[in-house]
Amino acid sequence: DSGINLRPDGGGNGFPSGHTFAASYGASYIARQCAGKIPYIGPVAVLAAGFTATSRVDAEKHNPWQVLFGAMFALIFDRAFQRSKSRARRKAFFAKLRALGR
């Protein structure tokens, strides 16, 4: 294993932090979907993801870099997935319009 993949306890498969990825992806999704509908849900979701990340470092399961990259990958993945869903919706909408025009 390379250095970035080593866990603080000496084990492997530490990069990136999967727990932090899942918590950050969930927080990003919740914050985006509930923005303006439920007050304070975005900051609460981000705090929960931060708590998860901090707990992984505190438990010595990951180092700060592994946790940081887990969170970054989650945010990038969420934004990329959101864009692809938007494209698919636009294509379906215009396909329906074309079908109506025939």
Protein backbone atom coordinates (compact mmCIF):
# COMPACT_ATOMS: atom_id res chain seq x y z
CA ASP A 1 0.00 0.00 0.00
CA SER A 2 1.10 3.55 -0.68
CA GLY A 3 1.43 6.02 2.16
CA ILE A 4 -1.88 7.78 1.53
CA ASN A 5 -3.74 4.45 1.73
CA LEU A 6 -2.30 3.41 5.11
CA ARG A 7 -4.50 3.84 8.14
CA PRO A 8 -3.09 5.28 11.36
CA ASP A 9 -3.34 1.81 12.96
CA GLY A 10 -1.18 0.35 10.16
CA GLY A 11 -3.97 -1.27 8.15
CA GLY A 12 -4.66 -0.63 4.49
CA ASN A 13 -7.60 0.62 2.45
CA GLY A 14 -7.76 3.93 4.26
CA PHE A 15 -8.07 6.20 1.24
CA PRO A 16 -10.52 7.84 0.98
CA SER A 17 -12.67 7.67 4.11
CA GLY A 18 -15.86 5.90 3.09
CA HIS A 19 -17.77 7.02 6.17
CA THR A 20 -16.88 10.65 5.45
CA PHE A 21 -17.78 10.21 1.78
CA ALA A 22 -21.23 8.87 2.66
CA ALA A 23 -21.91 11.53 5.31
CA SER A 24 -20.72 14.36 3.06
CA TYR A 25 -22.67 13.11 0.06
CA GLY A 26 -25.78 12.86 2.21
CA ALA A 27 -25.25 16.33 3.67
CA SER A 28 -24.74 17.85 0.23
CA TYR A 29 -27.85 16.15 -1.13
CA ILE A 30 -30.01 17.15 1.84
CA ALA A 31 -28.75 20.73 1.80
CA ARG A 32 -29.48 21.05 -1.93
CA GLN A 33 -32.89 19.37 -1.89
CA CYS A 34 -34.21 21.05 1.25
CA ALA A 35 -32.77 24.52 0.76
CA GLY A 36 -35.51 27.04 1.41
CA LYS A 37 -38.00 24.39 2.54
CA ILE A 38 -36.68 23.44 5.97
CA PRO A 39 -34.81 26.17 7.87
CA TYR A 40 -31.36 25.25 9.15
CA ILE A 41 -31.35 21.73 7.65
CA GLY A 42 -28.29 22.46 5.49
CA PRO A 43 -26.04 23.59 8.35
CA VAL A 44 -27.27 20.72 10.55
CA ALA A 45 -26.48 18.18 7.82
CA VAL A 46 -23.02 19.70 7.29
CA LEU A 47 -22.33 19.62 11.05
CA ALA A 48 -23.33 15.95 11.16
CA ALA A 49 -20.94 15.19 8.28
CA GLY A 50 -18.22 17.15 10.06
CA PHE A 51 -18.85 15.15 13.23
CA THR A 52 -18.51 11.92 11.25
CA ALA A 53 -15.23 13.09 9.70
CA THR A 54 -13.85 14.22 13.04
CA SER A 55 -14.84 10.96 14.71
CA ARG A 56 -12.94 8.94 12.07
CA VAL A 57 -9.75 10.88 12.80
CA ASP A 58 -10.34 10.78 16.57
CA ALA A 59 -10.85 6.99 16.47
CA GLU A 60 -7.56 6.75 14.55
CA LYS A 61 -9.24 4.97 11.64
CA HIS A 62 -8.18 7.65 9.16
CA ASN A 63 -5.79 10.56 8.98
CA PRO A 64 -7.01 14.08 8.17
CA TRP A 65 -6.00 13.79 4.49
CA GLN A 66 -8.04 10.64 3.97
CA VAL A 67 -11.06 12.31 5.56
CA LEU A 68 -10.60 15.52 3.56
CA PHE A 69 -10.40 13.63 0.28
CA GLY A 70 -13.46 11.54 1.23
CA ALA A 71 -15.44 14.76 1.69
CA MET A 72 -14.08 16.33 -1.51
CA PHE A 73 -14.87 13.23 -3.58
CA ALA A 74 -18.42 13.22 -2.19
CA LEU A 75 -19.02 16.84 -3.16
CA ILE A 76 -17.59 16.33 -6.64
CA PHE A 77 -19.63 13.15 -7.12
CA ASP A 78 -22.83 14.86 -5.93
CA ARG A 79 -22.39 17.80 -8.29
CA ALA A 80 -21.53 15.55 -11.25
CA PHE A 81 -24.50 13.28 -10.57
CA GLN A 82 -26.82 16.28 -10.26
CA ARG A 83 -25.67 17.62 -13.63
CA SER A 84 -26.19 14.27 -15.35
CA LYS A 85 -29.71 14.00 -13.91
CA SER A 86 -30.50 17.52 -15.16
CA ARG A 87 -29.27 16.62 -18.64
CA ALA A 88 -31.41 13.48 -18.68
CA ARG A 89 -34.48 15.47 -17.60
CA ARG A 90 -33.88 18.08 -20.32
CA LYS A 91 -33.48 15.39 -22.99
CA ALA A 92 -36.70 13.68 -21.88
CA PHE A 93 -38.56 17.01 -21.86
CA PHE A 94 -37.46 17.94 -25.38
CA ALA A 95 -38.17 14.42 -26.65
CA LYS A 96 -41.75 14.79 -25.36
CA LEU A 97 -42.04 18.19 -27.06
CA ARG A 98 -40.84 16.71 -30.36
CA ALA A 99 -43.32 13.85 -30.00
CA LEU A 100 -46.17 16.32 -29.43
CA GLY A 101 -45.20 18.25 -32.55
CA ARG A 102 -45.50 15.24 -34.87
